[in-house]
Amino acid sequence: MTLFKQSQNHNRLRIEDGTEVCHSMLKLLFLHGWTSVPGGVKPTYLKNAGHEVINPALDDDDFDLAVRTAQSEYEQHKPDVIVGSSRGGAVAMNINSGDTPLVLLCPAWKNWGTATTIKPNAIILHSRLDDVIPFSDSEELVANSGLPSETLIAIGKDHRLADPEPLKAMLEACEQDNPNP
């Protein structure tokens, strides 16, 4: 796909066969993991798919400061979806985000913060082979929240979820409620 025209909330994309499509641009707040930095593989993938990605630097040493930073970014930008990776997932669970959907990637909720449930419009992507955050933590989170098992999608080969299949699943999860992806 090639981006050839951009307006405030829509991108005109030309796919390989020359077909033009209108793609609604989402505003995504991407909260990175512990010792990660803005501009990594996952937020870049979302940006390259035509979405606006807000990707603040979160403090690694002070969780409360990371939450305050995320809350401020949320209030300033009013994103359509919040994506939280590992510790960033715990940050996402601990901000006041109203009814904004959450896409959580291997959320480290047992390691940081006080939130023990997620809202109904959340999706979790987690690898059963994750050697950093146990897959069972996400199973427990879904159970704590009283949500259906389909809320948790087992995908990927490791904690990073940076391979093509989980990247595509992350994008699809972000776009799933968008009327014109």
N, C-alpha and C. Protein backbone atom coordinates (compact mmCIF):
# COMPACT_ATOMS: atom_id res chain seq x y z
N MET A 1 0.83 -1.18 0.00
CA MET A 1 0.00 0.00 0.00
C MET A 1 0.87 1.24 0.00
N THR A 2 0.43 2.23 -0.70
CA THR A 2 1.14 3.49 -0.76
C THR A 2 0.19 4.60 -0.35
N LEU A 3 0.58 5.39 0.63
CA LEU A 3 -0.19 6.55 1.03
C LEU A 3 0.02 7.62 -0.02
N PHE A 4 -1.08 8.16 -0.62
CA PHE A 4 -0.86 9.20 -1.59
C PHE A 4 -1.63 10.47 -1.29
N LYS A 5 -2.57 10.47 -0.38
CA LYS A 5 -3.26 11.69 0.00
C LYS A 5 -3.72 11.55 1.43
N GLN A 6 -3.52 12.59 2.21
CA GLN A 6 -3.89 12.54 3.61
C GLN A 6 -4.72 13.77 3.93
N SER A 7 -5.86 13.55 4.60
CA SER A 7 -6.65 14.66 5.12
C SER A 7 -6.68 14.53 6.62
N GLN A 8 -7.48 15.34 7.29
CA GLN A 8 -7.44 15.37 8.75
C GLN A 8 -7.70 14.00 9.38
N ASN A 9 -8.70 13.25 8.95
CA ASN A 9 -9.01 11.97 9.58
C ASN A 9 -9.02 10.80 8.61
N HIS A 10 -8.63 11.02 7.38
CA HIS A 10 -8.67 9.94 6.40
C HIS A 10 -7.39 9.92 5.58
N ASN A 11 -6.99 8.75 5.20
CA ASN A 11 -5.88 8.56 4.28
C ASN A 11 -6.44 7.93 3.01
N ARG A 12 -5.97 8.36 1.86
CA ARG A 12 -6.26 7.69 0.60
C ARG A 12 -5.07 6.78 0.36
N LEU A 13 -5.35 5.49 0.24
CA LEU A 13 -4.28 4.52 0.04
C LEU A 13 -4.43 3.88 -1.33
N ARG A 14 -3.30 3.62 -1.97
CA ARG A 14 -3.30 2.89 -3.24
C ARG A 14 -2.62 1.55 -2.97
N ILE A 15 -3.35 0.46 -3.17
CA ILE A 15 -2.77 -0.85 -2.95
C ILE A 15 -2.12 -1.33 -4.24
N GLU A 16 -1.39 -2.44 -4.15
CA GLU A 16 -0.53 -2.89 -5.23
C GLU A 16 -1.22 -2.96 -6.60
N ASP A 17 -2.49 -3.36 -6.62
CA ASP A 17 -3.17 -3.50 -7.92
C ASP A 17 -3.69 -2.17 -8.45
N GLY A 18 -3.38 -1.06 -7.77
CA GLY A 18 -3.79 0.26 -8.22
C GLY A 18 -5.12 0.73 -7.63
N THR A 19 -5.80 -0.14 -6.90
CA THR A 19 -7.08 0.22 -6.28
C THR A 19 -6.83 1.29 -5.22
N GLU A 20 -7.72 2.28 -5.20
CA GLU A 20 -7.64 3.31 -4.19
C GLU A 20 -8.69 3.03 -3.12
N VAL A 21 -8.32 3.19 -1.86
CA VAL A 21 -9.27 3.00 -0.76
C VAL A 21 -9.16 4.17 0.20
N CYS A 22 -10.27 4.46 0.85
CA CYS A 22 -10.27 5.46 1.89
C CYS A 22 -10.11 4.73 3.22
N HIS A 23 -9.17 5.15 4.00
CA HIS A 23 -8.84 4.49 5.26
C HIS A 23 -8.97 5.51 6.37
N SER A 24 -9.87 5.26 7.32
CA SER A 24 -10.00 6.18 8.44
C SER A 24 -8.76 6.09 9.31
N MET A 25 -8.22 7.23 9.61
CA MET A 25 -7.02 7.29 10.44
C MET A 25 -7.46 7.34 11.90
N LEU A 26 -6.94 6.41 12.69
CA LEU A 26 -7.20 6.40 14.11
C LEU A 26 -6.10 7.15 14.84
N LYS A 27 -6.46 7.71 15.97
CA LYS A 27 -5.47 8.30 16.87
C LYS A 27 -5.24 7.28 17.97
N LEU A 28 -4.00 6.79 18.05
CA LEU A 28 -3.65 5.74 18.99
C LEU A 28 -2.64 6.25 20.02
N LEU A 29 -2.90 5.96 21.28
CA LEU A 29 -1.93 6.23 22.33
C LEU A 29 -1.21 4.93 22.60
N PHE A 30 0.09 4.88 22.27
CA PHE A 30 0.89 3.67 22.47
C PHE A 30 1.78 3.86 23.69
N LEU A 31 1.60 2.99 24.69
CA LEU A 31 2.36 3.06 25.93
C LEU A 31 3.37 1.91 25.95
N HIS A 32 4.64 2.25 25.86
CA HIS A 32 5.71 1.27 25.71
C HIS A 32 6.01 0.55 27.02
N GLY A 33 6.75 -0.53 26.91
CA GLY A 33 7.12 -1.34 28.06
C GLY A 33 8.32 -0.81 28.81
N TRP A 34 8.63 -1.48 29.90
CA TRP A 34 9.76 -1.11 30.76
C TRP A 34 11.06 -1.23 29.99
N THR A 35 11.90 -0.26 30.07
CA THR A 35 13.19 -0.12 29.37
C THR A 35 13.05 -0.05 27.85
N SER A 36 11.84 0.07 27.36
CA SER A 36 11.63 0.31 25.93
C SER A 36 11.61 1.82 25.70
N VAL A 37 11.63 2.20 24.45
CA VAL A 37 11.65 3.62 24.12
C VAL A 37 10.59 3.90 23.06
N PRO A 38 10.14 5.14 22.96
CA PRO A 38 9.21 5.49 21.88
C PRO A 38 9.83 5.20 20.51
N GLY A 39 8.98 4.90 19.55
CA GLY A 39 9.44 4.69 18.19
C GLY A 39 9.90 3.28 17.88
N GLY A 40 9.51 2.31 18.68
CA GLY A 40 9.90 0.93 18.45
C GLY A 40 9.11 0.27 17.31
N VAL A 41 9.29 -1.02 17.18
CA VAL A 41 8.68 -1.79 16.09
C VAL A 41 7.15 -1.68 16.09
N LYS A 42 6.52 -1.85 17.24
CA LYS A 42 5.05 -1.87 17.29
C LYS A 42 4.42 -0.51 16.98
N PRO A 43 4.85 0.59 17.61
CA PRO A 43 4.23 1.86 17.24
C PRO A 43 4.55 2.27 15.79
N THR A 44 5.73 1.90 15.32
CA THR A 44 6.09 2.20 13.93
C THR A 44 5.19 1.43 12.97
N TYR A 45 4.88 0.18 13.29
CA TYR A 45 3.97 -0.62 12.47
C TYR A 45 2.60 0.05 12.38
N LEU A 46 2.10 0.52 13.51
CA LEU A 46 0.79 1.19 13.53
C LEU A 46 0.82 2.49 12.73
N LYS A 47 1.90 3.24 12.85
CA LYS A 47 2.06 4.48 12.09
C LYS A 47 2.12 4.18 10.59
N ASN A 48 2.89 3.15 10.23
CA ASN A 48 3.01 2.80 8.82
C ASN A 48 1.71 2.28 8.22
N ALA A 49 0.77 1.86 9.09
CA ALA A 49 -0.55 1.43 8.62
C ALA A 49 -1.47 2.63 8.41
N GLY A 50 -0.97 3.84 8.63
CA GLY A 50 -1.74 5.04 8.34
C GLY A 50 -2.39 5.69 9.54
N HIS A 51 -2.01 5.29 10.74
CA HIS A 51 -2.63 5.87 11.93
C HIS A 51 -1.70 6.88 12.60
N GLU A 52 -2.32 7.82 13.31
CA GLU A 52 -1.56 8.76 14.12
C GLU A 52 -1.23 8.06 15.43
N VAL A 53 0.04 8.03 15.79
CA VAL A 53 0.47 7.33 17.00
C VAL A 53 1.13 8.33 17.95
N ILE A 54 0.53 8.46 19.12
CA ILE A 54 1.12 9.24 20.20
C ILE A 54 1.89 8.25 21.05
N ASN A 55 3.19 8.46 21.22
CA ASN A 55 4.06 7.46 21.83
C ASN A 55 5.00 8.14 22.84
N PRO A 56 4.45 8.53 24.01
CA PRO A 56 5.27 9.28 24.97
C PRO A 56 6.33 8.41 25.64
N ALA A 57 7.39 9.06 26.06
CA ALA A 57 8.42 8.39 26.87
C ALA A 57 7.87 8.25 28.29
N LEU A 58 7.84 7.02 28.79
CA LEU A 58 7.35 6.75 30.15
C LEU A 58 8.53 6.48 31.06
N ASP A 59 8.50 7.05 32.24
CA ASP A 59 9.58 6.87 33.21
C ASP A 59 9.68 5.40 33.60
N ASP A 60 10.89 4.84 33.55
CA ASP A 60 11.10 3.43 33.92
C ASP A 60 11.17 3.21 35.42
N ASP A 61 11.56 4.24 36.16
CA ASP A 61 11.81 4.06 37.58
C ASP A 61 10.64 4.44 38.47
N ASP A 62 9.76 5.30 37.99
CA ASP A 62 8.66 5.82 38.79
C ASP A 62 7.34 5.50 38.10
N PHE A 63 6.68 4.43 38.55
CA PHE A 63 5.44 4.00 37.91
C PHE A 63 4.37 5.08 37.99
N ASP A 64 4.24 5.73 39.13
CA ASP A 64 3.22 6.78 39.27
C ASP A 64 3.46 7.92 38.29
N LEU A 65 4.72 8.27 38.06
CA LEU A 65 5.04 9.30 37.07
C LEU A 65 4.68 8.82 35.67
N ALA A 66 4.94 7.55 35.37
CA ALA A 66 4.55 6.99 34.06
C ALA A 66 3.04 7.08 33.87
N VAL A 67 2.28 6.77 34.92
CA VAL A 67 0.81 6.85 34.84
C VAL A 67 0.38 8.30 34.63
N ARG A 68 0.99 9.23 35.37
CA ARG A 68 0.62 10.65 35.20
C ARG A 68 0.94 11.14 33.79
N THR A 69 2.07 10.72 33.24
CA THR A 69 2.43 11.09 31.86
C THR A 69 1.39 10.55 30.89
N ALA A 70 1.03 9.28 31.04
CA ALA A 70 0.04 8.66 30.15
C ALA A 70 -1.32 9.35 30.30
N GLN A 71 -1.70 9.66 31.52
CA GLN A 71 -2.99 10.33 31.75
C GLN A 71 -3.01 11.70 31.07
N SER A 72 -1.92 12.43 31.19
CA SER A 72 -1.82 13.74 30.55
C SER A 72 -1.92 13.62 29.03
N GLU A 73 -1.22 12.65 28.46
CA GLU A 73 -1.27 12.44 27.01
C GLU A 73 -2.68 12.04 26.57
N TYR A 74 -3.32 11.20 27.37
CA TYR A 74 -4.69 10.79 27.07
C TYR A 74 -5.62 12.01 27.06
N GLU A 75 -5.52 12.83 28.09
CA GLU A 75 -6.40 14.00 28.19
C GLU A 75 -6.12 15.02 27.10
N GLN A 76 -4.86 15.18 26.73
CA GLN A 76 -4.50 16.14 25.69
C GLN A 76 -4.94 15.68 24.30
N HIS A 77 -4.77 14.39 23.99
CA HIS A 77 -4.97 13.91 22.62
C HIS A 77 -6.29 13.18 22.37
N LYS A 78 -6.97 12.74 23.42
CA LYS A 78 -8.25 12.02 23.28
C LYS A 78 -8.16 10.92 22.21
N PRO A 79 -7.32 9.91 22.43
CA PRO A 79 -7.14 8.88 21.41
C PRO A 79 -8.37 8.01 21.22
N ASP A 80 -8.43 7.36 20.06
CA ASP A 80 -9.51 6.43 19.75
C ASP A 80 -9.28 5.09 20.43
N VAL A 81 -8.02 4.70 20.60
CA VAL A 81 -7.63 3.42 21.19
C VAL A 81 -6.34 3.64 21.98
N ILE A 82 -6.20 2.90 23.08
CA ILE A 82 -4.95 2.90 23.85
C ILE A 82 -4.33 1.52 23.70
N VAL A 83 -3.07 1.49 23.30
CA VAL A 83 -2.31 0.25 23.19
C VAL A 83 -1.24 0.27 24.28
N GLY A 84 -1.18 -0.77 25.09
CA GLY A 84 -0.18 -0.85 26.15
C GLY A 84 0.60 -2.14 26.05
N SER A 85 1.91 -2.03 25.99
CA SER A 85 2.77 -3.19 25.85
C SER A 85 3.48 -3.48 27.17
N SER A 86 3.25 -4.66 27.74
CA SER A 86 3.89 -5.12 28.97
C SER A 86 3.64 -4.13 30.10
N ARG A 87 4.68 -3.45 30.59
CA ARG A 87 4.48 -2.45 31.64
C ARG A 87 3.56 -1.34 31.15
N GLY A 88 3.63 -1.02 29.87
CA GLY A 88 2.71 -0.03 29.29
C GLY A 88 1.26 -0.49 29.38
N GLY A 89 1.04 -1.81 29.36
CA GLY A 89 -0.30 -2.34 29.57
C GLY A 89 -0.78 -2.08 30.99
N ALA A 90 0.13 -2.24 31.95
CA ALA A 90 -0.21 -1.92 33.34
C ALA A 90 -0.50 -0.43 33.49
N VAL A 91 0.29 0.41 32.82
CA VAL A 91 0.03 1.85 32.84
C VAL A 91 -1.36 2.12 32.26
N ALA A 92 -1.67 1.52 31.11
CA ALA A 92 -2.97 1.72 30.47
C ALA A 92 -4.12 1.34 31.39
N MET A 93 -3.95 0.26 32.14
CA MET A 93 -5.00 -0.20 33.06
C MET A 93 -5.18 0.75 34.23
N ASN A 94 -4.18 1.56 34.53
CA ASN A 94 -4.21 2.42 35.71
C ASN A 94 -4.52 3.88 35.41
N ILE A 95 -4.81 4.21 34.15
CA ILE A 95 -5.23 5.59 33.86
C ILE A 95 -6.75 5.61 33.74
N ASN A 96 -7.31 6.79 33.90
CA ASN A 96 -8.74 6.99 33.73
C ASN A 96 -9.00 7.26 32.26
N SER A 97 -9.45 6.22 31.54
CA SER A 97 -9.60 6.34 30.09
C SER A 97 -11.04 6.18 29.63
N GLY A 98 -11.98 6.30 30.55
CA GLY A 98 -13.39 6.25 30.16
C GLY A 98 -13.71 5.01 29.36
N ASP A 99 -14.40 5.20 28.24
CA ASP A 99 -14.79 4.05 27.42
C ASP A 99 -13.86 3.82 26.23
N THR A 100 -12.68 4.43 26.26
CA THR A 100 -11.71 4.23 25.18
C THR A 100 -11.23 2.78 25.20
N PRO A 101 -11.31 2.09 24.06
CA PRO A 101 -10.86 0.69 24.01
C PRO A 101 -9.38 0.53 24.35
N LEU A 102 -9.06 -0.61 24.96
CA LEU A 102 -7.68 -0.97 25.29
C LEU A 102 -7.25 -2.18 24.46
N VAL A 103 -6.05 -2.13 23.95
CA VAL A 103 -5.39 -3.28 23.34
C VAL A 103 -4.14 -3.50 24.17
N LEU A 104 -4.12 -4.59 24.93
CA LEU A 104 -3.03 -4.86 25.85
C LEU A 104 -2.17 -5.99 25.32
N LEU A 105 -0.87 -5.77 25.29
CA LEU A 105 0.09 -6.74 24.78
C LEU A 105 0.89 -7.28 25.96
N CYS A 106 0.65 -8.53 26.32
CA CYS A 106 1.35 -9.15 27.46
C CYS A 106 1.38 -8.23 28.67
N PRO A 107 0.22 -7.80 29.14
CA PRO A 107 0.19 -6.78 30.20
C PRO A 107 0.82 -7.26 31.51
N ALA A 108 1.67 -6.41 32.07
CA ALA A 108 2.40 -6.73 33.30
C ALA A 108 1.67 -6.18 34.53
N TRP A 109 0.39 -6.43 34.59
CA TRP A 109 -0.45 -5.86 35.64
C TRP A 109 -0.12 -6.39 37.03
N LYS A 110 0.42 -7.57 37.14
CA LYS A 110 0.78 -8.11 38.46
C LYS A 110 2.07 -7.50 38.99
N ASN A 111 2.86 -6.91 38.11
CA ASN A 111 4.15 -6.34 38.49
C ASN A 111 4.07 -4.86 38.87
N TRP A 112 3.09 -4.14 38.28
CA TRP A 112 2.99 -2.70 38.49
C TRP A 112 1.53 -2.28 38.62
N GLY A 113 1.30 -1.28 39.46
CA GLY A 113 -0.02 -0.68 39.57
C GLY A 113 -0.94 -1.44 40.50
N THR A 114 -2.17 -0.94 40.58
CA THR A 114 -3.17 -1.52 41.49
C THR A 114 -4.37 -2.11 40.76
N ALA A 115 -4.51 -1.84 39.47
CA ALA A 115 -5.66 -2.34 38.71
C ALA A 115 -5.57 -3.86 38.58
N THR A 116 -6.70 -4.53 38.81
CA THR A 116 -6.76 -6.00 38.70
C THR A 116 -7.84 -6.46 37.74
N THR A 117 -8.50 -5.50 37.07
CA THR A 117 -9.53 -5.84 36.09
C THR A 117 -9.38 -4.91 34.89
N ILE A 118 -10.01 -5.30 33.80
CA ILE A 118 -10.06 -4.46 32.61
C ILE A 118 -11.50 -4.26 32.20
N LYS A 119 -11.73 -3.25 31.40
CA LYS A 119 -13.08 -2.94 30.96
C LYS A 119 -13.51 -3.87 29.82
N PRO A 120 -14.81 -3.93 29.57
CA PRO A 120 -15.32 -4.87 28.56
C PRO A 120 -14.78 -4.66 27.15
N ASN A 121 -14.39 -3.44 26.80
CA ASN A 121 -13.91 -3.21 25.43
C ASN A 121 -12.38 -3.27 25.36
N ALA A 122 -11.83 -4.26 26.05
CA ALA A 122 -10.38 -4.50 26.00
C ALA A 122 -10.10 -5.82 25.30
N ILE A 123 -8.95 -5.88 24.68
CA ILE A 123 -8.46 -7.10 24.05
C ILE A 123 -7.03 -7.32 24.54
N ILE A 124 -6.69 -8.54 24.82
CA ILE A 124 -5.33 -8.88 25.24
C ILE A 124 -4.71 -9.81 24.21
N LEU A 125 -3.52 -9.47 23.76
CA LEU A 125 -2.71 -10.36 22.92
C LEU A 125 -1.54 -10.81 23.78
N HIS A 126 -1.31 -12.11 23.84
CA HIS A 126 -0.25 -12.63 24.71
C HIS A 126 0.26 -13.95 24.14
N SER A 127 1.54 -14.16 24.18
CA SER A 127 2.13 -15.41 23.71
C SER A 127 2.16 -16.43 24.84
N ARG A 128 1.77 -17.65 24.52
CA ARG A 128 1.89 -18.74 25.50
C ARG A 128 3.35 -19.04 25.79
N LEU A 129 4.26 -18.60 24.91
CA LEU A 129 5.70 -18.84 25.07
C LEU A 129 6.41 -17.67 25.74
N ASP A 130 5.65 -16.70 26.24
CA ASP A 130 6.24 -15.53 26.91
C ASP A 130 7.02 -15.98 28.14
N ASP A 131 8.30 -15.63 28.19
CA ASP A 131 9.12 -16.01 29.34
C ASP A 131 9.37 -14.83 30.28
N VAL A 132 8.65 -13.72 30.07
CA VAL A 132 8.78 -12.54 30.92
C VAL A 132 7.52 -12.37 31.78
N ILE A 133 6.37 -12.35 31.15
CA ILE A 133 5.08 -12.24 31.83
C ILE A 133 4.30 -13.52 31.52
N PRO A 134 3.97 -14.31 32.53
CA PRO A 134 3.27 -15.57 32.27
C PRO A 134 1.92 -15.37 31.58
N PHE A 135 1.64 -16.23 30.62
CA PHE A 135 0.35 -16.22 29.93
C PHE A 135 -0.79 -16.36 30.93
N SER A 136 -0.56 -17.12 31.98
CA SER A 136 -1.59 -17.33 33.01
C SER A 136 -1.99 -16.02 33.69
N ASP A 137 -1.10 -15.01 33.72
CA ASP A 137 -1.48 -13.71 34.28
C ASP A 137 -2.62 -13.09 33.47
N SER A 138 -2.55 -13.22 32.15
CA SER A 138 -3.62 -12.67 31.31
C SER A 138 -4.90 -13.49 31.44
N GLU A 139 -4.77 -14.79 31.58
CA GLU A 139 -5.96 -15.62 31.83
C GLU A 139 -6.63 -15.18 33.13
N GLU A 140 -5.84 -14.93 34.16
CA GLU A 140 -6.37 -14.49 35.44
C GLU A 140 -7.04 -13.11 35.31
N LEU A 141 -6.43 -12.22 34.55
CA LEU A 141 -6.98 -10.88 34.34
C LEU A 141 -8.35 -10.95 33.67
N VAL A 142 -8.49 -11.79 32.66
CA VAL A 142 -9.77 -11.96 31.99
C VAL A 142 -10.81 -12.52 32.96
N ALA A 143 -10.42 -13.52 33.74
CA ALA A 143 -11.34 -14.11 34.73
C ALA A 143 -11.73 -13.07 35.78
N ASN A 144 -10.77 -12.31 36.31
CA ASN A 144 -11.06 -11.27 37.30
C ASN A 144 -12.08 -10.27 36.78
N SER A 145 -12.02 -10.02 35.47
CA SER A 145 -12.85 -9.00 34.84
C SER A 145 -14.22 -9.52 34.43
N GLY A 146 -14.41 -10.84 34.56
CA GLY A 146 -15.69 -11.43 34.15
C GLY A 146 -15.93 -11.35 32.65
N LEU A 147 -14.86 -11.38 31.88
CA LEU A 147 -14.97 -11.25 30.42
C LEU A 147 -14.86 -12.61 29.75
N PRO A 148 -15.39 -12.73 28.54
CA PRO A 148 -15.30 -14.01 27.84
C PRO A 148 -13.87 -14.36 27.47
N SER A 149 -13.61 -15.64 27.33
CA SER A 149 -12.24 -16.10 27.03
C SER A 149 -11.72 -15.54 25.72
N GLU A 150 -12.61 -15.15 24.80
CA GLU A 150 -12.20 -14.58 23.51
C GLU A 150 -11.50 -13.23 23.68
N THR A 151 -11.57 -12.64 24.87
CA THR A 151 -10.89 -11.38 25.15
C THR A 151 -9.38 -11.56 25.05
N LEU A 152 -8.91 -12.77 25.35
CA LEU A 152 -7.49 -13.10 25.32
C LEU A 152 -7.16 -13.89 24.07
N ILE A 153 -6.25 -13.35 23.28
CA ILE A 153 -5.83 -14.00 22.04
C ILE A 153 -4.39 -14.49 22.21
N ALA A 154 -4.21 -15.80 22.12
CA ALA A 154 -2.87 -16.39 22.21
C ALA A 154 -2.21 -16.27 20.84
N ILE A 155 -1.08 -15.55 20.82
CA ILE A 155 -0.41 -15.29 19.55
C ILE A 155 1.06 -14.98 19.80
N GLY A 156 1.88 -15.27 18.83
CA GLY A 156 3.29 -14.89 18.90
C GLY A 156 4.18 -15.96 19.50
N LYS A 157 5.50 -15.70 19.39
CA LYS A 157 6.51 -16.66 19.81
C LYS A 157 7.26 -16.25 21.07
N ASP A 158 7.02 -15.01 21.52
CA ASP A 158 7.77 -14.53 22.68
C ASP A 158 7.09 -13.30 23.27
N HIS A 159 7.73 -12.68 24.24
CA HIS A 159 7.17 -11.53 24.94
C HIS A 159 7.04 -10.30 24.05
N ARG A 160 7.93 -10.13 23.11
CA ARG A 160 7.96 -8.90 22.31
C ARG A 160 6.76 -8.72 21.38
N LEU A 161 6.20 -9.82 20.89
CA LEU A 161 5.10 -9.76 19.92
C LEU A 161 5.44 -8.85 18.74
N ALA A 162 6.66 -8.96 18.24
CA ALA A 162 7.14 -8.09 17.16
C ALA A 162 7.27 -8.81 15.83
N ASP A 163 6.71 -10.02 15.72
CA ASP A 163 6.72 -10.77 14.47
C ASP A 163 5.49 -10.40 13.63
N PRO A 164 5.48 -10.74 12.35
CA PRO A 164 4.37 -10.32 11.49
C PRO A 164 2.97 -10.70 12.00
N GLU A 165 2.78 -11.92 12.46
CA GLU A 165 1.44 -12.35 12.89
C GLU A 165 0.91 -11.53 14.07
N PRO A 166 1.66 -11.35 15.17
CA PRO A 166 1.13 -10.53 16.26
C PRO A 166 1.03 -9.04 15.91
N LEU A 167 1.91 -8.54 15.05
CA LEU A 167 1.78 -7.14 14.63
C LEU A 167 0.48 -6.94 13.87
N LYS A 168 0.16 -7.85 12.97
CA LYS A 168 -1.09 -7.76 12.22
C LYS A 168 -2.29 -7.87 13.17
N ALA A 169 -2.23 -8.78 14.14
CA ALA A 169 -3.32 -8.94 15.10
C ALA A 169 -3.50 -7.68 15.94
N MET A 170 -2.39 -7.03 16.32
CA MET A 170 -2.46 -5.77 17.07
C MET A 170 -3.18 -4.71 16.25
N LEU A 171 -2.81 -4.58 14.99
CA LEU A 171 -3.45 -3.60 14.11
C LEU A 171 -4.94 -3.90 13.97
N GLU A 172 -5.28 -5.17 13.76
CA GLU A 172 -6.69 -5.55 13.62
C GLU A 172 -7.47 -5.27 14.89
N ALA A 173 -6.84 -5.50 16.05
CA ALA A 173 -7.52 -5.21 17.31
C ALA A 173 -7.78 -3.71 17.45
N CYS A 174 -6.84 -2.90 17.02
CA CYS A 174 -7.03 -1.44 17.08
C CYS A 174 -8.14 -0.98 16.16
N GLU A 175 -8.25 -1.61 15.00
CA GLU A 175 -9.21 -1.20 13.99
C GLU A 175 -10.57 -1.85 14.12
N GLN A 176 -10.73 -2.83 15.00
CA GLN A 176 -11.94 -3.65 14.99
C GLN A 176 -13.23 -2.87 15.18
N ASP A 177 -13.25 -1.82 15.96
CA ASP A 177 -14.48 -1.06 16.17
C ASP A 177 -14.55 0.16 15.29
N ASN A 178 -13.54 0.34 14.45
CA ASN A 178 -13.51 1.48 13.55
C ASN A 178 -14.44 1.21 12.37
N PRO A 179 -15.41 2.07 12.11
CA PRO A 179 -16.39 1.81 11.06
C PRO A 179 -15.83 1.77 9.65
N ASN A 180 -14.64 2.32 9.42
CA ASN A 180 -14.12 2.41 8.05
C ASN A 180 -12.62 2.18 8.03
N PRO A 181 -12.13 0.99 8.50
CA PRO A 181 -10.68 0.78 8.60
C PRO A 181 -9.97 0.74 7.26
